[in-house]
Amino acid sequence: MLTRRHFLGGTCALSLGAALAGRAFADANSGSRLLFGYPPGAVGSKLASALLPMLAAQGGPSYHLENLDGRNTRVARDAALHAAPDGSTLLQAISASMTLLPSVYKDTGFEATRDFAPLGCMGDFPYVLAVGPLVPASVGNLKQYLGWVNDNPEYRNVGISIYGSIGHLAVRTLVADCDVPLRVQSYQGTTGLLSDLRSQTLAAAFLAPGSGADIAPGAAIRALGVTSRQRLMYWPQLPTLAEQGSPRMDFSAWFGWYCQAATPAGTLHSLREAIARMQASAPYADVLKHLLLTPANLDAEQISARLREETAHYKTLVAGFQISKFD
């Protein structure tokens, strides 16, 4: 049986060798950069480091990854927004940074479909409700976890990567659907969150499935269910949380690449063509499989429509959950 661990040591090493080795930051002296609002080690950072050399190999420009984490991903977004619109500075953003945060902050100073031109969608993923070794091994599904929380209310906190993320909405949805006293505990990225899970300081969290090799059904950090309406293609045996008693649970996220809206049409066309060639390659498919991301090769119009739809949907949910807004 081919497990994810075997994949990491076998085919992934062959197909991703060039991307994850010495060329991880392709031509770092070129000055062209891809900004990302999470720290190194995050799923998105691994994704960008693997894909940038592939983009250059497909005739695209050479970019280096620049992690600008801070202010709940807004540092990277604002830096990209105010960069010269010439194709030299791109933004990689997790979807919630573009569609959910505008409803969590009183004034974000941007509008995704007005200020950015989408270049490509780099993969979808649900979040997974995962429990660490603090939770007894006998707890294997949502009902058992909620029962354990009711018996151990001091461990009711559920970790999320940042305040106002999809994980935040997922916790609030569980509270509303299942009438349980869960409480959000926000972090700045996943590093500290995973450390607290492994050290038994934190009982549970919502995580991207590809956040670590020890996250899986039956692993050290046990996946109990996913937030999407459909099961994750890589873990077909793992039920959704909606199947397990949270009927309104239906959240997915995705990574997008963007340029400034004022970027010349010719530059946008060249970048989109190079990204399309990259996405049609076998190494690209291997990267997504390695990180447990589902392919979603959308064109610019489809991405813009998705941004508008999700922004409206999250605005309604944030208002309904009465999530406090930041300044």
Protein backbone atom coordinates (compact mmCIF):
# COMPACT_ATOMS: atom_id res chain seq x y z
CA MET A 1 0.00 0.00 0.00
CA LEU A 2 1.39 3.38 -1.00
CA THR A 3 1.18 5.65 2.04
CA ARG A 4 1.83 9.37 2.14
CA ARG A 5 5.07 8.72 4.03
CA HIS A 6 6.25 6.32 1.30
CA PHE A 7 5.26 8.86 -1.31
CA LEU A 8 7.35 11.52 0.42
CA GLY A 9 10.38 9.22 0.32
CA GLY A 10 9.86 7.83 -3.19
CA THR A 11 8.13 9.34 -6.18
CA CYS A 12 7.92 12.77 -4.60
CA ALA A 13 11.68 12.88 -4.15
CA LEU A 14 12.13 12.17 -7.86
CA SER A 15 9.51 14.49 -9.29
CA LEU A 16 10.09 17.36 -6.86
CA GLY A 17 13.86 17.12 -6.58
CA ALA A 18 14.64 20.16 -8.66
CA ALA A 19 11.89 22.21 -7.04
CA LEU A 20 12.77 21.47 -3.42
CA ALA A 21 16.56 21.48 -3.70
CA GLY A 22 19.01 24.23 -4.47
CA ARG A 23 16.67 26.09 -6.83
CA ALA A 24 13.94 26.64 -4.21
CA PHE A 25 14.37 30.38 -4.65
CA ALA A 26 14.87 30.66 -8.37
CA ASP A 27 17.24 33.47 -9.25
CA ALA A 28 16.87 35.30 -5.93
CA ASN A 29 18.97 38.16 -7.26
CA SER A 30 16.54 38.97 -10.05
CA GLY A 31 14.49 41.25 -7.79
CA SER A 32 11.23 39.66 -8.93
CA ARG A 33 9.33 38.23 -6.01
CA LEU A 34 6.23 36.32 -4.96
CA LEU A 35 4.90 37.62 -1.65
CA PHE A 36 3.10 35.36 0.81
CA GLY A 37 1.62 36.37 4.16
CA TYR A 38 2.48 33.23 6.14
CA PRO A 39 5.87 32.18 7.58
CA PRO A 40 8.25 29.59 6.09
CA GLY A 41 7.08 26.03 6.69
CA ALA A 42 3.41 26.76 6.04
CA VAL A 43 1.67 24.73 3.33
CA GLY A 44 1.56 27.78 1.07
CA SER A 45 5.28 28.42 1.54
CA LYS A 46 6.06 24.85 0.53
CA LEU A 47 3.76 25.21 -2.45
CA ALA A 48 5.37 28.43 -3.67
CA SER A 49 8.92 27.14 -3.17
CA ALA A 50 8.10 24.10 -5.28
CA LEU A 51 6.24 25.92 -8.06
CA LEU A 52 8.45 28.94 -8.74
CA PRO A 53 11.25 26.95 -10.39
CA MET A 54 8.63 25.14 -12.48
CA LEU A 55 7.21 28.46 -13.64
CA ALA A 56 10.66 29.58 -14.79
CA ALA A 57 11.17 26.25 -16.57
CA GLN A 58 7.93 26.85 -18.50
CA GLY A 59 9.19 30.16 -19.86
CA GLY A 60 7.87 32.37 -17.09
CA PRO A 61 9.94 34.91 -15.14
CA SER A 62 12.19 33.86 -12.26
CA TYR A 63 10.72 34.86 -8.93
CA HIS A 64 11.88 34.26 -5.39
CA LEU A 65 9.52 33.66 -2.48
CA GLU A 66 9.35 36.39 0.14
CA ASN A 67 7.46 35.55 3.32
CA LEU A 68 5.94 38.71 4.77
CA ASP A 69 3.88 37.38 7.64
CA GLY A 70 2.17 39.88 9.88
CA ARG A 71 -1.16 41.58 10.56
CA ASN A 72 -3.09 38.44 9.60
CA THR A 73 -1.55 38.31 6.07
CA ARG A 74 -2.25 42.00 5.39
CA VAL A 75 1.44 42.98 5.34
CA ALA A 76 2.06 40.85 2.24
CA ARG A 77 -1.17 41.90 0.58
CA ASP A 78 -0.53 45.61 1.12
CA ALA A 79 3.06 45.32 -0.11
CA ALA A 80 1.85 43.66 -3.30
CA LEU A 81 -0.96 46.17 -3.71
CA HIS A 82 1.45 49.11 -3.64
CA ALA A 83 4.21 47.53 -5.74
CA ALA A 84 4.90 48.66 -9.29
CA PRO A 85 2.29 47.11 -11.67
CA ASP A 86 4.87 45.63 -14.02
CA GLY A 87 4.77 41.92 -13.22
CA SER A 88 7.84 42.00 -10.97
CA THR A 89 5.86 41.52 -7.74
CA LEU A 90 3.19 38.83 -7.44
CA LEU A 91 1.02 37.90 -4.50
CA GLN A 92 0.16 34.39 -3.36
CA ALA A 93 -2.88 34.57 -1.11
CA ILE A 94 -4.97 31.99 0.65
CA SER A 95 -8.55 32.65 -0.36
CA ALA A 96 -9.74 33.86 3.05
CA SER A 97 -7.21 36.70 2.93
CA MET A 98 -9.05 38.06 -0.10
CA THR A 99 -12.65 37.12 0.66
CA LEU A 100 -13.12 36.72 4.45
CA LEU A 101 -10.81 39.29 6.05
CA PRO A 102 -12.72 42.21 4.45
CA SER A 103 -15.64 41.21 6.70
CA VAL A 104 -13.45 40.86 9.80
CA TYR A 105 -11.68 44.23 9.63
CA LYS A 106 -13.45 47.58 9.74
CA ASP A 107 -11.33 48.96 6.91
CA THR A 108 -9.05 46.73 4.83
CA GLY A 109 -8.25 49.40 2.27
CA PHE A 110 -8.66 47.11 -0.71
CA GLU A 111 -11.16 45.22 -2.83
CA ALA A 112 -9.92 41.97 -4.32
CA THR A 113 -11.58 42.13 -7.72
CA ARG A 114 -10.89 45.84 -8.13
CA ASP A 115 -7.25 45.98 -7.02
CA PHE A 116 -5.83 42.63 -8.15
CA ALA A 117 -5.79 40.69 -11.42
CA PRO A 118 -5.95 36.92 -10.88
CA LEU A 119 -3.29 34.79 -12.56
CA GLY A 120 -4.15 31.28 -11.45
CA CYS A 121 -5.69 29.04 -8.81
CA MET A 122 -3.05 26.76 -7.29
CA GLY A 123 -5.18 24.14 -5.58
CA ASP A 124 -8.16 23.69 -3.26
CA PHE A 125 -8.26 22.14 0.18
CA PRO A 126 -10.72 21.70 3.06
CA TYR A 127 -9.70 22.20 6.64
CA VAL A 128 -9.53 19.19 8.90
CA LEU A 129 -10.62 18.96 12.51
CA ALA A 130 -7.65 17.26 14.14
CA VAL A 131 -6.93 16.22 17.71
CA GLY A 132 -3.55 15.75 19.35
CA PRO A 133 -2.26 13.16 21.84
CA LEU A 134 -3.99 14.97 24.71
CA VAL A 135 -7.26 13.47 23.44
CA PRO A 136 -7.62 9.73 24.19
CA ALA A 137 -7.03 7.34 21.29
CA SER A 138 -10.58 6.04 21.75
CA VAL A 139 -11.89 9.35 20.35
CA GLY A 140 -12.19 8.74 16.64
CA ASN A 141 -15.05 10.88 15.33
CA LEU A 142 -16.85 14.16 15.89
CA LYS A 143 -19.48 12.79 18.26
CA GLN A 144 -16.85 11.20 20.49
CA TYR A 145 -14.73 14.37 20.48
CA LEU A 146 -17.67 16.57 21.47
CA GLY A 147 -18.57 14.12 24.24
CA TRP A 148 -14.98 14.25 25.49
CA VAL A 149 -15.06 18.08 25.48
CA ASN A 150 -18.28 18.07 27.51
CA ASP A 151 -16.53 15.87 30.07
CA ASN A 152 -13.32 17.94 29.94
CA PRO A 153 -14.40 21.57 29.42
CA GLU A 154 -10.95 22.88 30.36
CA TYR A 155 -9.80 21.60 26.94
CA ARG A 156 -12.56 23.24 24.91
CA ASN A 157 -10.20 25.56 22.99
CA VAL A 158 -9.79 24.82 19.27
CA GLY A 159 -6.70 26.24 17.57
CA ILE A 160 -6.88 28.21 14.33
CA SER A 161 -4.03 29.67 12.29
CA ILE A 162 -5.20 33.30 12.43
CA TYR A 163 -8.16 35.27 13.77
CA GLY A 164 -10.85 35.65 11.14
CA SER A 165 -9.84 32.58 9.15
CA ILE A 166 -12.02 29.83 7.73
CA GLY A 167 -11.02 27.78 10.77
CA HIS A 168 -12.65 30.49 12.89
CA LEU A 169 -15.91 30.08 10.96
CA ALA A 170 -15.64 26.30 11.27
CA VAL A 171 -15.44 26.51 15.07
CA ARG A 172 -18.43 28.83 15.21
CA THR A 173 -20.36 26.48 12.91
CA LEU A 174 -19.70 23.52 15.21
CA VAL A 175 -20.89 25.58 18.18
CA ALA A 176 -24.10 26.51 16.35
CA ASP A 177 -24.82 23.09 14.87
CA CYS A 178 -23.89 20.90 17.83
CA ASP A 179 -24.54 23.15 20.84
CA VAL A 180 -21.08 22.63 22.36
CA PRO A 181 -18.97 25.13 24.37
CA LEU A 182 -15.99 25.27 21.99
CA ARG A 183 -13.81 28.38 22.04
CA VAL A 184 -11.48 29.80 19.38
CA GLN A 185 -7.76 30.04 20.18
CA SER A 186 -5.99 31.98 17.42
CA TYR A 187 -2.29 31.80 16.51
CA GLN A 188 0.01 33.54 14.05
CA GLY A 189 0.37 30.69 11.57
CA THR A 190 0.51 26.94 12.18
CA THR A 191 3.97 26.47 13.76
CA GLY A 192 2.97 27.37 17.30
CA LEU A 193 -0.39 25.67 16.89
CA LEU A 194 1.20 22.35 15.89
CA SER A 195 3.73 22.66 18.72
CA ASP A 196 0.92 23.05 21.25
CA LEU A 197 -0.95 20.07 19.81
CA ARG A 198 2.15 17.85 19.98
CA SER A 199 3.07 19.00 23.50
CA GLN A 200 -0.49 18.35 24.74
CA THR A 201 -1.11 22.01 25.57
CA LEU A 202 -3.92 22.15 23.00
CA ALA A 203 -6.46 19.41 22.37
CA ALA A 204 -7.78 20.18 18.88
CA ALA A 205 -7.37 22.46 15.89
CA PHE A 206 -8.53 23.17 12.38
CA LEU A 207 -5.62 22.63 9.98
CA ALA A 208 -4.86 22.31 6.30
CA PRO A 209 -4.44 18.56 5.65
CA GLY A 210 -0.92 19.06 4.26
CA SER A 211 0.36 20.91 7.33
CA GLY A 212 2.52 18.01 8.50
CA ALA A 213 3.38 14.38 7.82
CA ASP A 214 1.96 13.37 11.24
CA ILE A 215 -1.52 14.69 10.40
CA ALA A 216 -3.83 12.00 9.01
CA PRO A 217 -6.59 9.63 10.05
CA GLY A 218 -5.08 7.46 12.79
CA ALA A 219 -1.81 9.44 12.93
CA ALA A 220 -0.21 11.23 15.90
CA ILE A 221 -2.40 14.23 15.13
CA ARG A 222 -5.63 12.48 14.23
CA ALA A 223 -7.95 13.83 11.57
CA LEU A 224 -11.60 13.42 12.62
CA GLY A 225 -13.36 15.05 9.66
CA VAL A 226 -13.09 17.66 6.93
CA THR A 227 -14.93 20.96 6.56
CA SER A 228 -15.87 20.55 2.89
CA ARG A 229 -19.14 19.11 1.65
CA GLN A 230 -17.22 16.39 -0.21
CA ARG A 231 -14.64 14.03 1.26
CA LEU A 232 -10.97 14.78 0.58
CA MET A 233 -9.89 12.79 -2.46
CA TYR A 234 -6.68 11.67 -0.73
CA TRP A 235 -8.51 10.44 2.40
CA PRO A 236 -11.75 8.94 1.04
CA GLN A 237 -12.27 6.95 4.23
CA LEU A 238 -12.53 10.14 6.34
CA PRO A 239 -16.12 11.42 6.68
CA THR A 240 -16.98 15.08 6.36
CA LEU A 241 -18.07 16.96 9.46
CA ALA A 242 -21.43 17.52 7.77
CA GLU A 243 -21.87 13.74 7.57
CA GLN A 244 -21.09 13.53 11.28
CA GLY A 245 -23.70 15.96 12.55
CA SER A 246 -22.71 19.50 11.55
CA PRO A 247 -25.06 20.05 8.60
CA ARG A 248 -24.02 23.66 7.88
CA MET A 249 -20.31 22.81 7.69
CA ASP A 250 -19.21 23.54 4.12
CA PHE A 251 -15.86 25.36 3.87
CA SER A 252 -12.95 25.03 1.49
CA ALA A 253 -9.94 27.23 0.83
CA TRP A 254 -7.60 27.72 -2.10
CA PHE A 255 -4.35 29.41 -3.06
CA GLY A 256 -4.39 32.10 -5.73
CA TRP A 257 -1.65 34.03 -7.53
CA TYR A 258 -2.29 37.68 -8.35
CA CYS A 259 -0.84 40.76 -10.03
CA GLN A 260 -1.81 44.38 -9.56
CA ALA A 261 -4.94 45.30 -11.53
CA ALA A 262 -3.02 47.99 -13.44
CA THR A 263 -0.49 45.48 -14.83
CA PRO A 264 -0.32 45.74 -18.66
CA ALA A 265 -2.51 43.26 -20.53
CA GLY A 266 0.47 41.80 -22.39
CA THR A 267 2.30 41.04 -19.15
CA LEU A 268 -0.81 39.43 -17.64
CA HIS A 269 -1.27 37.29 -20.76
CA SER A 270 2.33 36.06 -20.69
CA LEU A 271 2.15 35.19 -16.99
CA ARG A 272 -1.15 33.36 -17.36
CA GLU A 273 0.16 31.37 -20.33
CA ALA A 274 3.28 30.30 -18.40
CA ILE A 275 1.17 29.32 -15.38
CA ALA A 276 -1.17 27.28 -17.59
CA ARG A 277 1.81 25.39 -19.04
CA MET A 278 3.11 24.73 -15.53
CA GLN A 279 -0.28 23.46 -14.37
CA ALA A 280 -0.41 21.02 -17.29
CA SER A 281 2.87 19.37 -16.25
CA ALA A 282 3.33 16.13 -14.29
CA PRO A 283 5.61 17.73 -11.66
CA TYR A 284 2.87 20.24 -10.86
CA ALA A 285 0.41 17.41 -10.23
CA ASP A 286 2.98 15.75 -7.96
CA VAL A 287 3.38 18.93 -5.88
CA LEU A 288 -0.37 19.14 -5.31
CA LYS A 289 -0.54 15.47 -4.37
CA HIS A 290 2.35 15.88 -1.94
CA LEU A 291 0.60 18.79 -0.21
CA LEU A 292 -2.87 17.17 -0.37
CA LEU A 293 -4.23 19.92 -2.61
CA THR A 294 -6.98 19.29 -5.16
CA PRO A 295 -6.39 20.69 -8.69
CA ALA A 296 -8.58 23.66 -9.60
CA ASN A 297 -7.26 25.21 -12.80
CA LEU A 298 -9.58 28.20 -13.19
CA ASP A 299 -9.23 31.05 -15.64
CA ALA A 300 -9.18 34.71 -14.59
CA GLU A 301 -12.91 35.25 -15.03
CA GLN A 302 -13.74 32.13 -13.01
CA ILE A 303 -11.41 33.21 -10.20
CA SER A 304 -12.95 36.69 -10.11
CA ALA A 305 -16.44 35.19 -9.94
CA ARG A 306 -15.34 32.90 -7.11
CA LEU A 307 -13.88 35.85 -5.20
CA ARG A 308 -17.13 37.79 -5.49
CA GLU A 309 -19.29 34.83 -4.48
CA GLU A 310 -17.18 33.92 -1.44
CA THR A 311 -16.88 37.54 -0.28
CA ALA A 312 -20.68 37.89 -0.22
CA HIS A 313 -21.13 34.51 1.48
CA TYR A 314 -18.59 35.22 4.23
CA LYS A 315 -20.02 38.67 4.87
CA THR A 316 -23.35 37.04 5.69
CA LEU A 317 -21.75 34.40 7.93
CA VAL A 318 -19.60 36.89 9.88
CA ALA A 319 -22.66 39.04 10.54
CA GLY A 320 -24.70 36.03 11.59
CA PHE A 321 -22.01 34.76 13.98
CA GLN A 322 -21.47 38.31 15.31
CA ILE A 323 -17.68 37.99 15.00
CA SER A 324 -16.06 41.14 16.36
CA LYS A 325 -14.31 43.31 13.79
CA PHE A 326 -10.73 44.56 14.17
CA ASP A 327 -9.65 48.13 13.44
